[in-house]
Amino acid sequence: MKIGFSVASPEVNTPQLPAQQGDLDANLDVLSALGYDGVELSVRLPAELDIAAIEKAVTSRNLEIASIHTAAIGFQDKLWLCHPDEATRSEALARLISAIDVAAYFSVDVLVGSFRGKLGDGGDEARGWMYDAFRRGADCAAKHGNRVLFEPQASFSVDFGFTAQDGAAFVEELDSPGFGVMLDTYHMNIEDASLARSIFECRDHLHYLQISDSNRMYPGGGHIDYGEIINALQSIGFEGYLSLQIVREPSYAKAAELGIMHLRSLIGA
């Protein structure tokens, strides 16, 4: 298993996003010095990114891109894949396709959590919008050889796809090689009866984990049993990323340090 940390590309600036924002070079310096393997890059305008510059900044520090994250598109620009306004849906889908292109360049997956939007009172029509967006994204990703990963989230954040089992069922319904599941321990702690059981039951579709403790702090800063999680992941042969997406307290550098220390002590590497 590899350990990553969520950082934002330079155009992202929103307090709603639990990723380290600001000076990308300085943020990467911290993670490199602490021995992180990679970075989960949260993007807002994927088509406008200087990919070559980002690649150089990351690889020169012995890091890699772990995934492309999309929540900032919704938080900052109010664009959602499921939305009653057709123009909003269309622009959101265009951003998703651009994010898939960026992810394909780095041979990684695209993460979609809150960016999916909400069904609201739209009923079957809204569910059709949701399904269509993920189908089109998954088809695009499949052509590139990567995936769109669906993130189940707590009911205070979304109104569709709450548990790991919900996520697995949606992936099986869509049935595309370009579609899979990612899990977030913060949301799992709220919605899932057993984190270990959820990991086991998602094993055929699980490709990525976001990590934060019960209080959104670094792993070890709350009450989630990460030993149980690591054991469950090892039992299914998971070799993907554990990516910290946390509140950066007492500071970004200290939270990143405490988080990787806790996970490394459990992984044994």
Protein backbone atom coordinates (compact mmCIF):
# COMPACT_ATOMS: atom_id res chain seq x y z
CA MET A 1 0.00 0.00 0.00
CA LYS A 2 1.08 3.55 -0.75
CA ILE A 3 0.36 6.70 1.25
CA GLY A 4 -0.71 9.98 -0.30
CA PHE A 5 -2.00 13.38 0.75
CA SER A 6 -4.65 15.62 -0.79
CA VAL A 7 -3.30 18.87 -2.23
CA ALA A 8 -4.87 21.34 -4.62
CA SER A 9 -3.71 22.65 -7.95
CA PRO A 10 -2.98 26.40 -8.03
CA GLU A 11 -6.40 27.53 -9.32
CA VAL A 12 -8.29 26.00 -6.38
CA ASN A 13 -9.32 28.30 -3.53
CA THR A 14 -12.27 27.16 -1.44
CA PRO A 15 -12.61 26.66 2.33
CA GLN A 16 -15.02 23.76 1.77
CA LEU A 17 -12.29 21.52 0.39
CA PRO A 18 -10.28 19.49 2.96
CA ALA A 19 -7.12 19.58 0.86
CA GLN A 20 -3.94 21.57 1.35
CA GLN A 21 -4.18 24.65 -0.88
CA GLY A 22 -1.81 27.45 -1.79
CA ASP A 23 1.81 27.19 -2.94
CA LEU A 24 2.03 23.80 -4.66
CA ASP A 25 5.82 23.63 -4.58
CA ALA A 26 5.97 24.35 -0.86
CA ASN A 27 3.20 21.85 -0.17
CA LEU A 28 5.01 19.17 -2.15
CA ASP A 29 8.26 19.90 -0.30
CA VAL A 30 6.58 18.98 3.00
CA LEU A 31 5.23 15.68 1.70
CA SER A 32 8.48 14.71 0.03
CA ALA A 33 10.47 15.34 3.20
CA LEU A 34 8.07 13.15 5.19
CA GLY A 35 8.34 10.22 2.81
CA TYR A 36 4.93 10.30 1.17
CA ASP A 37 4.55 8.27 -2.00
CA GLY A 38 2.17 10.52 -3.88
CA VAL A 39 -0.39 13.30 -3.98
CA GLU A 40 -4.10 13.33 -4.62
CA LEU A 41 -4.44 16.38 -6.85
CA SER A 42 -7.67 18.31 -6.42
CA VAL A 43 -8.47 20.29 -9.56
CA ARG A 44 -10.98 22.91 -10.63
CA LEU A 45 -10.10 23.78 -14.25
CA PRO A 46 -8.50 20.57 -15.49
CA ALA A 47 -8.37 21.63 -19.15
CA GLU A 48 -6.27 24.68 -18.24
CA LEU A 49 -3.66 22.95 -16.08
CA ASP A 50 0.01 23.10 -17.00
CA ILE A 51 0.42 19.34 -16.82
CA ALA A 52 4.10 19.37 -17.71
CA ALA A 53 4.87 21.81 -14.90
CA ILE A 54 2.86 19.77 -12.40
CA GLU A 55 4.56 16.57 -13.50
CA LYS A 56 8.00 18.15 -13.08
CA ALA A 57 7.11 19.56 -9.66
CA VAL A 58 5.90 16.17 -8.45
CA THR A 59 8.49 13.83 -9.95
CA SER A 60 11.44 16.06 -9.03
CA ARG A 61 10.49 15.44 -5.39
CA ASN A 62 10.24 11.66 -5.81
CA LEU A 63 6.46 11.82 -5.60
CA GLU A 64 3.77 10.73 -8.03
CA ILE A 65 0.20 11.69 -8.81
CA ALA A 66 -2.06 9.26 -6.93
CA SER A 67 -5.41 10.42 -8.33
CA ILE A 68 -7.34 13.40 -9.67
CA HIS A 69 -10.01 14.75 -7.31
CA THR A 70 -13.03 16.76 -8.47
CA ALA A 71 -14.85 18.23 -5.45
CA ALA A 72 -13.43 21.74 -5.97
CA ILE A 73 -15.38 22.01 -9.24
CA GLY A 74 -18.60 21.87 -7.28
CA PHE A 75 -17.47 23.76 -4.21
CA GLN A 76 -15.93 26.69 -6.05
CA ASP A 77 -17.83 26.92 -9.34
CA LYS A 78 -21.18 25.38 -8.28
CA LEU A 79 -21.12 22.83 -11.08
CA TRP A 80 -22.63 19.40 -10.41
CA LEU A 81 -23.10 16.32 -12.57
CA CYS A 82 -26.69 15.99 -11.34
CA HIS A 83 -28.46 19.36 -11.42
CA PRO A 84 -31.84 20.56 -12.74
CA ASP A 85 -30.17 23.11 -15.03
CA GLU A 86 -28.99 21.49 -18.26
CA ALA A 87 -26.20 24.03 -18.86
CA THR A 88 -24.81 23.33 -15.38
CA ARG A 89 -24.86 19.58 -16.01
CA SER A 90 -23.22 20.01 -19.40
CA GLU A 91 -20.35 22.12 -18.08
CA ALA A 92 -19.87 19.76 -15.14
CA LEU A 93 -19.62 16.80 -17.50
CA ALA A 94 -17.12 18.68 -19.67
CA ARG A 95 -14.98 19.30 -16.57
CA LEU A 96 -15.21 15.60 -15.66
CA ILE A 97 -14.07 14.55 -19.14
CA SER A 98 -11.14 16.98 -18.90
CA ALA A 99 -10.26 15.57 -15.48
CA ILE A 100 -10.30 12.07 -16.97
CA ASP A 101 -7.90 13.27 -19.67
CA VAL A 102 -5.51 14.66 -17.04
CA ALA A 103 -5.78 11.47 -15.00
CA ALA A 104 -5.06 9.37 -18.07
CA TYR A 105 -1.84 11.32 -18.64
CA PHE A 106 -0.69 10.23 -15.19
CA SER A 107 -2.24 6.73 -15.51
CA VAL A 108 -4.45 7.27 -12.45
CA ASP A 109 -8.17 7.37 -11.65
CA VAL A 110 -10.62 10.25 -11.14
CA LEU A 111 -12.45 10.58 -7.82
CA VAL A 112 -16.07 11.73 -7.72
CA GLY A 113 -17.76 12.35 -4.39
CA SER A 114 -19.83 15.47 -3.75
CA PHE A 115 -19.24 16.63 -7.35
CA ARG A 116 -21.98 14.22 -8.38
CA GLY A 117 -24.57 16.65 -7.00
CA LYS A 118 -27.94 15.73 -5.53
CA LEU A 119 -31.08 14.09 -6.84
CA GLY A 120 -33.26 16.51 -4.90
CA ASP A 121 -36.92 16.22 -5.86
CA GLY A 122 -36.11 15.16 -9.40
CA GLY A 123 -37.04 11.50 -8.93
CA ASP A 124 -36.35 9.15 -11.83
CA GLU A 125 -35.41 12.02 -14.13
CA ALA A 126 -32.66 13.18 -11.76
CA ARG A 127 -31.42 9.64 -11.30
CA GLY A 128 -31.22 9.43 -15.08
CA TRP A 129 -29.00 12.53 -15.14
CA MET A 130 -26.77 10.97 -12.49
CA TYR A 131 -26.58 7.64 -14.30
CA ASP A 132 -25.91 9.29 -17.67
CA ALA A 133 -23.06 11.42 -16.32
CA PHE A 134 -21.32 8.46 -14.74
CA ARG A 135 -21.94 6.28 -17.79
CA ARG A 136 -20.39 8.84 -20.12
CA GLY A 137 -17.50 9.43 -17.75
CA ALA A 138 -16.91 5.71 -17.31
CA ASP A 139 -17.00 5.10 -21.06
CA CYS A 140 -14.44 7.86 -21.59
CA ALA A 141 -12.20 6.49 -18.84
CA ALA A 142 -12.44 2.96 -20.21
CA LYS A 143 -11.11 4.18 -23.56
CA HIS A 144 -8.13 5.73 -21.73
CA GLY A 145 -7.56 2.64 -19.58
CA ASN A 146 -8.35 4.36 -16.29
CA ARG A 147 -11.49 4.71 -14.15
CA VAL A 148 -13.97 7.07 -12.56
CA LEU A 149 -14.25 6.09 -8.90
CA PHE A 150 -17.55 6.66 -7.09
CA GLU A 151 -17.28 7.76 -3.46
CA PRO A 152 -20.12 6.89 -1.06
CA GLN A 153 -20.63 9.78 1.36
CA ALA A 154 -22.64 10.56 4.47
CA SER A 155 -26.22 11.73 4.09
CA PHE A 156 -25.40 15.28 5.22
CA SER A 157 -23.29 15.64 2.06
CA VAL A 158 -25.22 13.76 -0.66
CA ASP A 159 -28.63 12.15 -1.16
CA PHE A 160 -27.55 9.14 -3.21
CA GLY A 161 -24.96 6.46 -2.43
CA PHE A 162 -24.23 6.50 1.29
CA THR A 163 -22.59 3.18 2.21
CA ALA A 164 -19.84 1.10 0.68
CA GLN A 165 -22.51 -1.41 -0.27
CA ASP A 166 -24.47 1.34 -2.06
CA GLY A 167 -21.35 2.18 -4.02
CA ALA A 168 -20.70 -1.42 -5.01
CA ALA A 169 -24.31 -1.84 -6.12
CA PHE A 170 -24.11 1.28 -8.31
CA VAL A 171 -20.88 0.08 -9.89
CA GLU A 172 -22.46 -3.29 -10.65
CA GLU A 173 -25.52 -1.57 -12.12
CA LEU A 174 -23.42 0.62 -14.41
CA ASP A 175 -21.22 -2.38 -15.31
CA SER A 176 -18.28 -0.64 -16.98
CA PRO A 177 -14.53 -1.35 -16.83
CA GLY A 178 -14.13 2.42 -16.47
CA PHE A 179 -16.07 2.60 -13.21
CA GLY A 180 -15.18 1.57 -9.67
CA VAL A 181 -15.45 2.43 -5.98
CA MET A 182 -13.32 4.46 -3.63
CA LEU A 183 -14.03 4.67 0.10
CA ASP A 184 -13.50 7.44 2.64
CA THR A 185 -13.03 6.37 6.26
CA TYR A 186 -14.60 9.59 7.56
CA HIS A 187 -17.87 8.90 5.77
CA MET A 188 -17.68 5.16 6.43
CA ASN A 189 -17.44 5.85 10.16
CA ILE A 190 -20.81 7.63 9.93
CA GLU A 191 -22.73 5.40 7.52
CA ASP A 192 -21.23 1.88 7.57
CA ALA A 193 -21.99 -0.65 10.31
CA SER A 194 -18.51 -2.20 10.03
CA LEU A 195 -15.60 -0.63 8.19
CA ALA A 196 -13.80 -3.96 7.83
CA ARG A 197 -16.89 -5.72 6.49
CA SER A 198 -17.53 -2.91 4.01
CA ILE A 199 -13.98 -3.19 2.69
CA PHE A 200 -14.38 -6.94 2.29
CA GLU A 201 -17.75 -6.63 0.56
CA CYS A 202 -16.36 -4.00 -1.87
CA ARG A 203 -13.21 -5.97 -2.60
CA ASP A 204 -14.01 -6.61 -6.28
CA HIS A 205 -14.56 -2.91 -7.00
CA LEU A 206 -12.31 -1.09 -4.50
CA HIS A 207 -9.36 0.84 -5.92
CA TYR A 208 -8.62 3.73 -3.54
CA LEU A 209 -9.16 4.97 0.01
CA GLN A 210 -9.31 8.47 1.40
CA ILE A 211 -8.19 8.56 5.01
CA SER A 212 -9.28 10.81 7.84
CA ASP A 213 -10.25 10.06 11.39
CA SER A 214 -13.68 10.38 13.00
CA ASN A 215 -13.15 14.11 13.59
CA ARG A 216 -11.58 14.78 10.15
CA MET A 217 -8.16 14.86 11.78
CA TYR A 218 -5.10 12.83 10.76
CA PRO A 219 -5.37 9.04 11.28
CA GLY A 220 -4.75 8.43 14.96
CA GLY A 221 -6.29 11.77 15.92
CA GLY A 222 -9.78 10.34 16.50
CA HIS A 223 -11.36 7.03 17.43
CA ILE A 224 -11.32 5.01 14.16
CA ASP A 225 -9.48 1.70 14.52
CA TYR A 226 -6.99 1.88 11.66
CA GLY A 227 -5.45 -1.44 12.65
CA GLU A 228 -8.76 -3.07 11.72
CA ILE A 229 -8.82 -1.20 8.41
CA ILE A 230 -5.26 -2.13 7.46
CA ASN A 231 -5.88 -5.77 8.36
CA ALA A 232 -9.00 -5.79 6.19
CA LEU A 233 -7.14 -4.23 3.28
CA GLN A 234 -4.28 -6.69 3.60
CA SER A 235 -6.72 -9.59 3.70
CA ILE A 236 -8.12 -8.64 0.27
CA GLY A 237 -4.69 -7.93 -1.22
CA PHE A 238 -5.26 -4.20 -1.59
CA GLU A 239 -2.16 -2.47 -2.99
CA GLY A 240 -3.56 0.95 -3.83
CA TYR A 241 -3.38 4.35 -2.19
CA LEU A 242 -4.37 5.46 1.27
CA SER A 243 -4.69 9.21 0.77
CA LEU A 244 -5.06 11.61 3.68
CA GLN A 245 -7.80 14.19 3.17
CA ILE A 246 -7.90 15.90 6.54
CA VAL A 247 -8.19 19.05 8.59
CA ARG A 248 -4.60 20.31 8.74
CA GLU A 249 -4.31 20.78 12.50
CA PRO A 250 -2.29 21.59 14.53
CA SER A 251 -0.56 22.53 11.24
CA TYR A 252 -0.29 21.11 7.74
CA ALA A 253 3.24 19.79 8.29
CA LYS A 254 2.52 18.32 11.72
CA ALA A 255 -0.75 16.70 10.68
CA ALA A 256 0.95 15.19 7.64
CA GLU A 257 3.77 13.90 9.84
CA LEU A 258 1.50 12.37 12.50
CA GLY A 259 -0.73 10.80 9.86
CA ILE A 260 1.99 9.04 7.93
CA MET A 261 3.68 7.87 11.13
CA HIS A 262 0.46 6.24 12.32
CA LEU A 263 -0.24 4.50 9.02
CA ARG A 264 3.36 3.33 8.53
CA SER A 265 3.36 1.83 12.02
CA LEU A 266 0.34 -0.28 11.07
CA ILE A 267 1.33 -1.20 7.53
CA GLY A 268 4.80 -2.20 8.65
CA ALA A 269 6.74 -0.43 5.94
